[in-house]
Amino acid sequence: MLCLCRRKERQEKKDPKEITVIDPASNQYYYWLLVITVPVMYNWTFIIARACFEELQTDYLYMWFFLDFASDALYIADMVFRTRTGYLEQGLLVKEELKLRERYMESFQFKLDAASMVPTDVLYLILGVKFPEIRLNKLLRFNRMMEFFQRTETRTNFPNALRISNLVMYIVIIIHWNACLYYSFSKAIGQYYYYSYYYYY
């Protein structure tokens, strides 16, 4: 009996543990990219708006908290998803749990993902809820959105139309950020002149 147990232990050491993995070329992987693109777009669109327009942040505070926590939950799920995403090695899909986890944790992408999950929300307890810019680290997941668009290009029958749409979207996001920052700077300068005028008189 003891001999059989030792043989079993040796066999387990020899045979690396294989798990159910996601093929990066599968529909399942593509649909997950679609899911994770939603919170990425949410953060890129609303963090700057909430930071610059104070009323937008305070009037819908509970809704923002719910959406923030939901996006964080999807970010965590995405990290788990990455540890279950296979890759090709000598033409074969790697399914060994240890290899998949080590490859992901040694990658630069893991550092970005980990940085995006730093719990900066605790700063709300110190600074107050009027500073949503503490969540700017959530923007580090933009590469997932880029990957989704790249894979969509390879699937669609109209890649040129998609590229134009993406370009328009990037321009709109840049305009959105510029407008928010312009409003914020203008508001700050206006307050400075207001208080200068007040104290002068």
Protein backbone atom coordinates (compact mmCIF):
# COMPACT_ATOMS: atom_id res chain seq x y z
CA MET A 1 0.00 0.00 0.00
CA LEU A 2 2.83 2.37 0.91
CA CYS A 3 4.59 1.51 -2.33
CA LEU A 4 1.48 2.37 -4.38
CA CYS A 5 1.17 5.74 -2.65
CA ARG A 6 4.78 6.58 -3.42
CA ARG A 7 4.30 5.63 -7.06
CA LYS A 8 1.25 7.86 -7.25
CA GLU A 9 3.17 10.80 -5.74
CA ARG A 10 6.02 10.32 -8.21
CA GLN A 11 3.57 10.18 -11.10
CA GLU A 12 1.93 13.43 -9.98
CA LYS A 13 5.34 15.11 -9.82
CA LYS A 14 6.24 13.90 -13.30
CA ASP A 15 2.92 14.88 -14.90
CA PRO A 16 2.31 18.64 -14.63
CA LYS A 17 -1.21 19.61 -13.70
CA GLU A 18 -3.33 20.51 -16.71
CA ILE A 19 -6.43 22.66 -16.42
CA THR A 20 -9.21 23.79 -18.69
CA VAL A 21 -7.78 26.74 -20.57
CA ILE A 22 -9.15 29.35 -22.92
CA ASP A 23 -7.80 29.27 -26.43
CA PRO A 24 -6.87 32.87 -27.43
CA ALA A 25 -8.21 32.13 -30.92
CA SER A 26 -11.63 31.00 -29.65
CA ASN A 27 -14.94 32.86 -29.59
CA GLN A 28 -14.96 32.59 -25.81
CA TYR A 29 -11.80 34.69 -25.59
CA TYR A 30 -13.14 37.25 -28.05
CA TYR A 31 -16.43 37.64 -26.18
CA TRP A 32 -14.57 38.13 -22.92
CA LEU A 33 -12.57 40.94 -24.55
CA LEU A 34 -15.91 42.53 -25.43
CA VAL A 35 -17.02 42.26 -21.78
CA ILE A 36 -13.81 43.72 -20.33
CA THR A 37 -13.81 46.55 -22.89
CA VAL A 38 -17.00 47.93 -21.29
CA PRO A 39 -15.43 48.87 -17.90
CA VAL A 40 -12.31 50.13 -19.65
CA MET A 41 -14.40 52.50 -21.77
CA TYR A 42 -16.41 53.46 -18.69
CA ASN A 43 -13.28 54.48 -16.80
CA TRP A 44 -11.73 56.33 -19.73
CA THR A 45 -14.94 58.29 -20.28
CA PHE A 46 -16.29 59.08 -16.83
CA ILE A 47 -13.32 59.41 -14.45
CA ILE A 48 -12.14 62.65 -16.04
CA ALA A 49 -15.71 63.99 -16.34
CA ARG A 50 -16.47 63.27 -12.69
CA ALA A 51 -13.17 64.84 -11.64
CA CYS A 52 -13.79 68.08 -13.54
CA PHE A 53 -17.55 68.45 -13.00
CA GLU A 54 -18.13 68.29 -9.26
CA GLU A 55 -21.92 68.17 -9.51
CA LEU A 56 -21.75 65.13 -11.77
CA GLN A 57 -19.81 63.30 -9.07
CA THR A 58 -21.86 64.34 -6.04
CA ASP A 59 -25.37 64.19 -7.52
CA TYR A 60 -25.04 60.54 -8.60
CA LEU A 61 -22.63 59.30 -5.97
CA TYR A 62 -24.23 55.93 -5.21
CA MET A 63 -24.53 55.09 -8.89
CA TRP A 64 -20.83 55.85 -9.43
CA PHE A 65 -19.85 53.71 -6.45
CA PHE A 66 -21.84 50.80 -7.81
CA LEU A 67 -20.35 51.14 -11.30
CA ASP A 68 -16.83 51.54 -9.89
CA PHE A 69 -17.07 48.38 -7.81
CA ALA A 70 -18.61 46.47 -10.73
CA SER A 71 -15.75 47.51 -13.01
CA ASP A 72 -13.21 46.55 -10.34
CA ALA A 73 -14.84 43.12 -10.05
CA LEU A 74 -14.52 42.64 -13.81
CA TYR A 75 -10.88 43.74 -13.64
CA ILE A 76 -10.18 41.07 -11.02
CA ALA A 77 -12.03 38.49 -13.10
CA ASP A 78 -9.88 39.49 -16.06
CA MET A 79 -6.71 38.76 -14.10
CA VAL A 80 -8.04 35.30 -13.27
CA PHE A 81 -9.03 34.88 -16.91
CA ARG A 82 -5.48 35.67 -18.00
CA THR A 83 -4.08 32.92 -15.79
CA ARG A 84 -6.38 30.50 -17.64
CA THR A 85 -5.50 31.72 -21.14
CA GLY A 86 -3.34 29.28 -23.04
CA TYR A 87 -0.53 30.07 -25.45
CA LEU A 88 1.24 28.22 -28.20
CA GLU A 89 4.58 26.54 -27.57
CA GLN A 90 6.10 24.66 -30.51
CA GLY A 91 2.69 24.64 -32.16
CA LEU A 92 0.89 23.14 -29.15
CA LEU A 93 -1.48 24.88 -26.75
CA VAL A 94 0.05 24.96 -23.28
CA LYS A 95 -2.40 23.79 -20.62
CA GLU A 96 -0.15 23.48 -17.57
CA GLU A 97 -1.44 25.59 -14.70
CA LEU A 98 1.99 26.47 -13.32
CA LYS A 99 3.35 27.54 -16.71
CA LEU A 100 0.33 29.69 -17.48
CA ARG A 101 0.45 31.41 -14.11
CA GLU A 102 4.20 31.99 -14.20
CA ARG A 103 4.11 33.34 -17.74
CA TYR A 104 1.44 35.84 -16.84
CA MET A 105 3.00 36.93 -13.54
CA GLU A 106 6.38 37.45 -15.19
CA SER A 107 4.92 39.58 -17.97
CA PHE A 108 4.84 43.37 -18.08
CA GLN A 109 1.07 43.12 -18.50
CA PHE A 110 0.74 41.64 -15.02
CA LYS A 111 2.52 44.70 -13.58
CA LEU A 112 0.05 46.99 -15.34
CA ASP A 113 -2.90 44.89 -14.19
CA ALA A 114 -1.63 44.84 -10.61
CA ALA A 115 -1.09 48.62 -10.68
CA SER A 116 -4.64 49.11 -11.96
CA MET A 117 -5.95 47.14 -8.98
CA VAL A 118 -4.17 49.15 -6.28
CA PRO A 119 -7.06 50.06 -3.92
CA THR A 120 -6.80 53.82 -4.31
CA ASP A 121 -10.48 54.08 -3.37
CA VAL A 122 -9.47 54.05 0.29
CA LEU A 123 -8.24 57.60 -0.27
CA TYR A 124 -11.92 58.58 -0.33
CA LEU A 125 -11.77 58.17 3.45
CA ILE A 126 -9.02 60.81 3.63
CA LEU A 127 -9.77 63.21 0.76
CA GLY A 128 -13.53 62.81 0.56
CA VAL A 129 -15.75 61.60 -2.24
CA LYS A 130 -15.20 64.68 -4.44
CA PHE A 131 -11.93 63.35 -5.85
CA PRO A 132 -12.67 60.53 -8.32
CA GLU A 133 -9.30 61.21 -9.99
CA ILE A 134 -7.80 58.89 -7.40
CA ARG A 135 -9.05 56.11 -9.70
CA LEU A 136 -6.83 57.15 -12.61
CA ASN A 137 -4.84 53.94 -12.21
CA LYS A 138 -7.87 52.11 -13.65
CA LEU A 139 -6.95 53.53 -17.06
CA LEU A 140 -3.98 51.16 -17.30
CA ARG A 141 -6.20 48.42 -18.78
CA PHE A 142 -6.53 50.27 -22.11
CA ASN A 143 -4.59 47.52 -23.91
CA ARG A 144 -7.53 45.13 -23.48
CA MET A 145 -9.71 47.56 -25.39
CA MET A 146 -7.04 47.85 -28.09
CA GLU A 147 -6.80 44.06 -28.33
CA PHE A 148 -10.56 43.81 -28.75
CA PHE A 149 -10.53 46.27 -31.63
CA GLN A 150 -7.61 44.49 -33.29
CA ARG A 151 -9.35 41.13 -33.12
CA THR A 152 -12.59 42.66 -34.37
CA GLU A 153 -10.68 43.91 -37.42
CA THR A 154 -9.67 40.36 -38.28
CA ARG A 155 -13.26 39.14 -37.93
CA THR A 156 -15.22 41.82 -39.74
CA ASN A 157 -15.85 42.03 -43.47
CA PHE A 158 -15.37 45.81 -43.31
CA PRO A 159 -11.99 46.38 -41.62
CA ASN A 160 -11.49 49.82 -43.18
CA ALA A 161 -14.83 51.04 -41.84
CA LEU A 162 -13.89 49.73 -38.41
CA ARG A 163 -10.53 51.51 -38.50
CA ILE A 164 -12.25 54.78 -39.38
CA SER A 165 -14.76 54.25 -36.55
CA ASN A 166 -11.94 53.58 -34.11
CA LEU A 167 -10.10 56.70 -35.25
CA VAL A 168 -13.25 58.80 -34.74
CA MET A 169 -13.70 57.27 -31.29
CA TYR A 170 -10.11 58.11 -30.29
CA ILE A 171 -10.57 61.69 -31.52
CA VAL A 172 -13.82 62.02 -29.55
CA ILE A 173 -12.11 60.73 -26.38
CA ILE A 174 -9.25 63.21 -26.84
CA ILE A 175 -11.74 66.06 -27.37
CA HIS A 176 -13.67 64.88 -24.30
CA TRP A 177 -10.54 64.98 -22.14
CA ASN A 178 -9.47 68.34 -23.52
CA ALA A 179 -12.91 69.82 -22.88
CA CYS A 180 -13.02 68.51 -19.31
CA LEU A 181 -9.51 69.78 -18.52
CA TYR A 182 -10.24 73.14 -20.16
CA TYR A 183 -13.35 73.55 -18.02
CA SER A 184 -11.45 72.58 -14.90
CA PHE A 185 -8.60 75.03 -15.56
CA SER A 186 -11.03 77.80 -16.49
CA LYS A 187 -12.99 77.22 -13.31
CA ALA A 188 -9.82 77.30 -11.22
CA ILE A 189 -8.62 80.53 -12.88
CA GLY A 190 -12.05 82.10 -12.48
CA GLN A 191 -12.10 81.31 -8.78
CA TYR A 192 -8.60 82.78 -8.42
CA TYR A 193 -9.63 86.08 -10.00
CA TYR A 194 -12.86 86.10 -8.00
CA TYR A 195 -11.07 85.73 -4.67
CA SER A 196 -8.39 88.23 -5.74
CA TYR A 197 -11.10 90.76 -6.56
CA TYR A 198 -12.93 90.02 -3.30
CA TYR A 199 -9.89 90.49 -1.08
CA TYR A 200 -8.74 93.57 -3.00
CA TYR A 201 -11.99 95.37 -2.26
